[in-house]
Amino acid sequence: MAKKSEKRKLVGLVSEESGERIYYTHKNTMNTPDKLSLRKYSPKLRRHVIFTETKKSLGRNEVKPRKH
């Protein structure tokens, strides 16, 4: 039998400094409706930086810059 609703979603974490998406995690959308912001290690920069939540996208590893 299929589940009625999925409370936990798979989200990608993007580095604010380098723009790379290397971490993925599950998030309970009922408990934390806001975007996640975690401090994790970036192997590219070789130090800890802030990673923020984006939607899951396995197609590419880099994030496009925003248009102003």
N, C-alpha and C. Protein backbone atom coordinates (compact mmCIF):
# COMPACT_ATOMS: atom_id res chain seq x y z
N MET A 1 0.83 -1.16 0.00
CA MET A 1 0.00 0.00 0.00
C MET A 1 0.89 1.24 0.00
N ALA A 2 0.54 2.22 -0.80
CA ALA A 2 1.34 3.43 -0.92
C ALA A 2 1.10 4.35 0.28
N LYS A 3 2.12 5.15 0.58
CA LYS A 3 1.99 6.10 1.68
C LYS A 3 1.11 7.27 1.23
N LYS A 4 0.39 7.85 2.18
CA LYS A 4 -0.51 8.95 1.84
C LYS A 4 0.27 10.24 1.61
N SER A 5 1.23 10.53 2.45
CA SER A 5 2.02 11.76 2.27
C SER A 5 3.44 11.53 2.76
N GLU A 6 4.35 12.16 2.11
CA GLU A 6 5.75 12.09 2.51
C GLU A 6 6.07 13.33 3.33
N LYS A 7 6.38 13.13 4.61
CA LYS A 7 6.73 14.26 5.46
C LYS A 7 8.20 14.62 5.32
N ARG A 8 9.03 13.64 4.99
CA ARG A 8 10.46 13.89 4.88
C ARG A 8 10.83 14.03 3.41
N LYS A 9 11.50 15.13 3.08
CA LYS A 9 11.91 15.42 1.70
C LYS A 9 13.43 15.40 1.60
N LEU A 10 13.92 14.99 0.44
CA LEU A 10 15.35 15.01 0.16
C LEU A 10 15.71 16.39 -0.38
N VAL A 11 16.67 17.06 0.27
CA VAL A 11 17.09 18.40 -0.15
C VAL A 11 18.60 18.41 -0.34
N GLY A 12 19.05 19.25 -1.26
CA GLY A 12 20.48 19.44 -1.49
C GLY A 12 20.97 20.64 -0.71
N LEU A 13 22.23 20.59 -0.28
CA LEU A 13 22.84 21.71 0.44
C LEU A 13 23.91 22.34 -0.43
N VAL A 14 23.82 23.66 -0.62
CA VAL A 14 24.72 24.39 -1.49
C VAL A 14 25.60 25.31 -0.67
N SER A 15 26.90 25.32 -0.99
CA SER A 15 27.84 26.20 -0.31
C SER A 15 27.58 27.64 -0.71
N GLU A 16 27.54 28.55 0.26
CA GLU A 16 27.32 29.96 -0.03
C GLU A 16 28.55 30.60 -0.66
N GLU A 17 29.73 30.09 -0.38
CA GLU A 17 30.95 30.71 -0.89
C GLU A 17 31.39 30.15 -2.23
N SER A 18 31.37 28.83 -2.40
CA SER A 18 31.87 28.26 -3.65
C SER A 18 30.74 27.89 -4.61
N GLY A 19 29.51 27.74 -4.12
CA GLY A 19 28.38 27.41 -4.99
C GLY A 19 28.27 25.95 -5.36
N GLU A 20 29.04 25.08 -4.72
CA GLU A 20 28.98 23.66 -5.05
C GLU A 20 27.92 22.96 -4.20
N ARG A 21 27.31 21.94 -4.77
CA ARG A 21 26.29 21.15 -4.08
C ARG A 21 26.88 19.76 -3.87
N ILE A 22 27.34 19.48 -2.65
CA ILE A 22 27.96 18.19 -2.39
C ILE A 22 27.27 17.41 -1.27
N TYR A 23 26.42 18.05 -0.51
CA TYR A 23 25.73 17.38 0.59
C TYR A 23 24.24 17.28 0.30
N TYR A 24 23.65 16.15 0.66
CA TYR A 24 22.21 15.92 0.56
C TYR A 24 21.74 15.39 1.90
N THR A 25 20.53 15.80 2.30
CA THR A 25 19.99 15.36 3.58
C THR A 25 18.48 15.27 3.48
N HIS A 26 17.87 14.58 4.44
CA HIS A 26 16.42 14.50 4.53
C HIS A 26 15.94 15.51 5.55
N LYS A 27 14.81 16.14 5.26
CA LYS A 27 14.28 17.18 6.13
C LYS A 27 12.80 16.92 6.36
N ASN A 28 12.36 17.02 7.60
CA ASN A 28 10.95 16.90 7.93
C ASN A 28 10.30 18.26 7.70
N THR A 29 9.45 18.36 6.69
CA THR A 29 8.85 19.65 6.33
C THR A 29 7.80 20.12 7.33
N MET A 30 7.26 19.23 8.12
CA MET A 30 6.28 19.62 9.13
C MET A 30 6.96 20.34 10.30
N ASN A 31 8.12 19.87 10.72
CA ASN A 31 8.81 20.45 11.87
C ASN A 31 9.65 21.67 11.50
N THR A 32 10.25 21.65 10.32
CA THR A 32 11.12 22.75 9.90
C THR A 32 10.69 23.26 8.53
N PRO A 33 9.72 24.17 8.47
CA PRO A 33 9.26 24.68 7.19
C PRO A 33 10.24 25.67 6.55
N ASP A 34 11.14 26.27 7.35
CA ASP A 34 12.12 27.22 6.83
C ASP A 34 13.27 26.48 6.16
N LYS A 35 14.09 27.22 5.44
CA LYS A 35 15.26 26.62 4.78
C LYS A 35 16.30 26.24 5.82
N LEU A 36 16.96 25.10 5.58
CA LEU A 36 18.04 24.67 6.45
C LEU A 36 19.29 25.48 6.16
N SER A 37 20.09 25.70 7.17
CA SER A 37 21.37 26.36 7.02
C SER A 37 22.33 25.66 7.98
N LEU A 38 23.26 24.89 7.43
CA LEU A 38 24.17 24.09 8.25
C LEU A 38 25.61 24.46 7.96
N ARG A 39 26.45 24.36 8.96
CA ARG A 39 27.88 24.62 8.80
C ARG A 39 28.56 23.28 8.58
N LYS A 40 29.09 23.07 7.38
CA LYS A 40 29.71 21.80 7.02
C LYS A 40 31.05 22.05 6.35
N TYR A 41 31.83 20.99 6.20
CA TYR A 41 33.17 21.08 5.62
C TYR A 41 33.09 21.10 4.09
N SER A 42 33.82 22.04 3.48
CA SER A 42 33.91 22.12 2.03
C SER A 42 35.30 21.64 1.61
N PRO A 43 35.39 20.51 0.91
CA PRO A 43 36.71 20.02 0.49
C PRO A 43 37.37 20.92 -0.55
N LYS A 44 36.58 21.64 -1.31
CA LYS A 44 37.12 22.55 -2.32
C LYS A 44 37.85 23.73 -1.66
N LEU A 45 37.25 24.29 -0.61
CA LEU A 45 37.84 25.42 0.11
C LEU A 45 38.71 24.98 1.28
N ARG A 46 38.59 23.72 1.67
CA ARG A 46 39.33 23.11 2.77
C ARG A 46 39.10 23.82 4.10
N ARG A 47 37.82 24.15 4.36
CA ARG A 47 37.42 24.72 5.66
C ARG A 47 35.91 24.60 5.80
N HIS A 48 35.40 24.92 6.97
CA HIS A 48 33.97 24.85 7.23
C HIS A 48 33.29 26.13 6.73
N VAL A 49 32.18 25.96 6.01
CA VAL A 49 31.41 27.09 5.50
C VAL A 49 29.93 26.79 5.70
N ILE A 50 29.08 27.80 5.48
CA ILE A 50 27.64 27.65 5.61
C ILE A 50 27.07 27.04 4.33
N PHE A 51 26.28 25.99 4.47
CA PHE A 51 25.56 25.37 3.37
C PHE A 51 24.08 25.62 3.58
N THR A 52 23.38 26.10 2.54
CA THR A 52 21.96 26.37 2.64
C THR A 52 21.18 25.41 1.76
N GLU A 53 19.91 25.26 2.06
CA GLU A 53 19.05 24.28 1.40
C GLU A 53 18.60 24.75 0.02
N THR A 54 18.62 23.82 -0.93
CA THR A 54 17.97 24.00 -2.23
C THR A 54 17.22 22.72 -2.52
N LYS A 55 16.44 22.72 -3.58
CA LYS A 55 15.75 21.48 -3.91
C LYS A 55 16.73 20.50 -4.55
N LYS A 56 16.41 19.24 -4.46
CA LYS A 56 17.30 18.19 -4.94
C LYS A 56 17.42 18.25 -6.46
N SER A 57 18.64 18.21 -6.97
CA SER A 57 18.89 18.16 -8.40
C SER A 57 20.16 17.35 -8.62
N LEU A 58 20.03 16.14 -9.10
CA LEU A 58 21.20 15.30 -9.30
C LEU A 58 21.86 15.54 -10.65
N GLY A 59 21.25 16.35 -11.50
CA GLY A 59 21.76 16.55 -12.84
C GLY A 59 23.05 17.34 -12.91
N ARG A 60 23.20 18.35 -12.06
CA ARG A 60 24.42 19.15 -12.10
C ARG A 60 24.92 19.40 -10.69
N ASN A 61 26.19 19.72 -10.59
CA ASN A 61 26.81 19.90 -9.29
C ASN A 61 27.03 21.36 -8.96
N GLU A 62 26.97 22.24 -9.96
CA GLU A 62 27.17 23.68 -9.73
C GLU A 62 25.83 24.39 -9.80
N VAL A 63 25.73 25.50 -9.11
CA VAL A 63 24.51 26.29 -9.08
C VAL A 63 24.70 27.52 -9.96
N LYS A 64 23.70 27.81 -10.80
CA LYS A 64 23.77 28.96 -11.68
C LYS A 64 23.63 30.25 -10.86
N PRO A 65 24.36 31.31 -11.22
CA PRO A 65 24.17 32.59 -10.51
C PRO A 65 22.81 33.19 -10.81
N ARG A 66 22.26 33.91 -9.85
CA ARG A 66 20.94 34.50 -10.00
C ARG A 66 21.00 35.71 -10.90
N LYS A 67 19.93 35.92 -11.67
CA LYS A 67 19.82 37.10 -12.51
C LYS A 67 19.24 38.23 -11.66
N HIS A 68 19.74 39.43 -11.84
CA HIS A 68 19.26 40.57 -11.05
C HIS A 68 18.34 41.43 -11.85
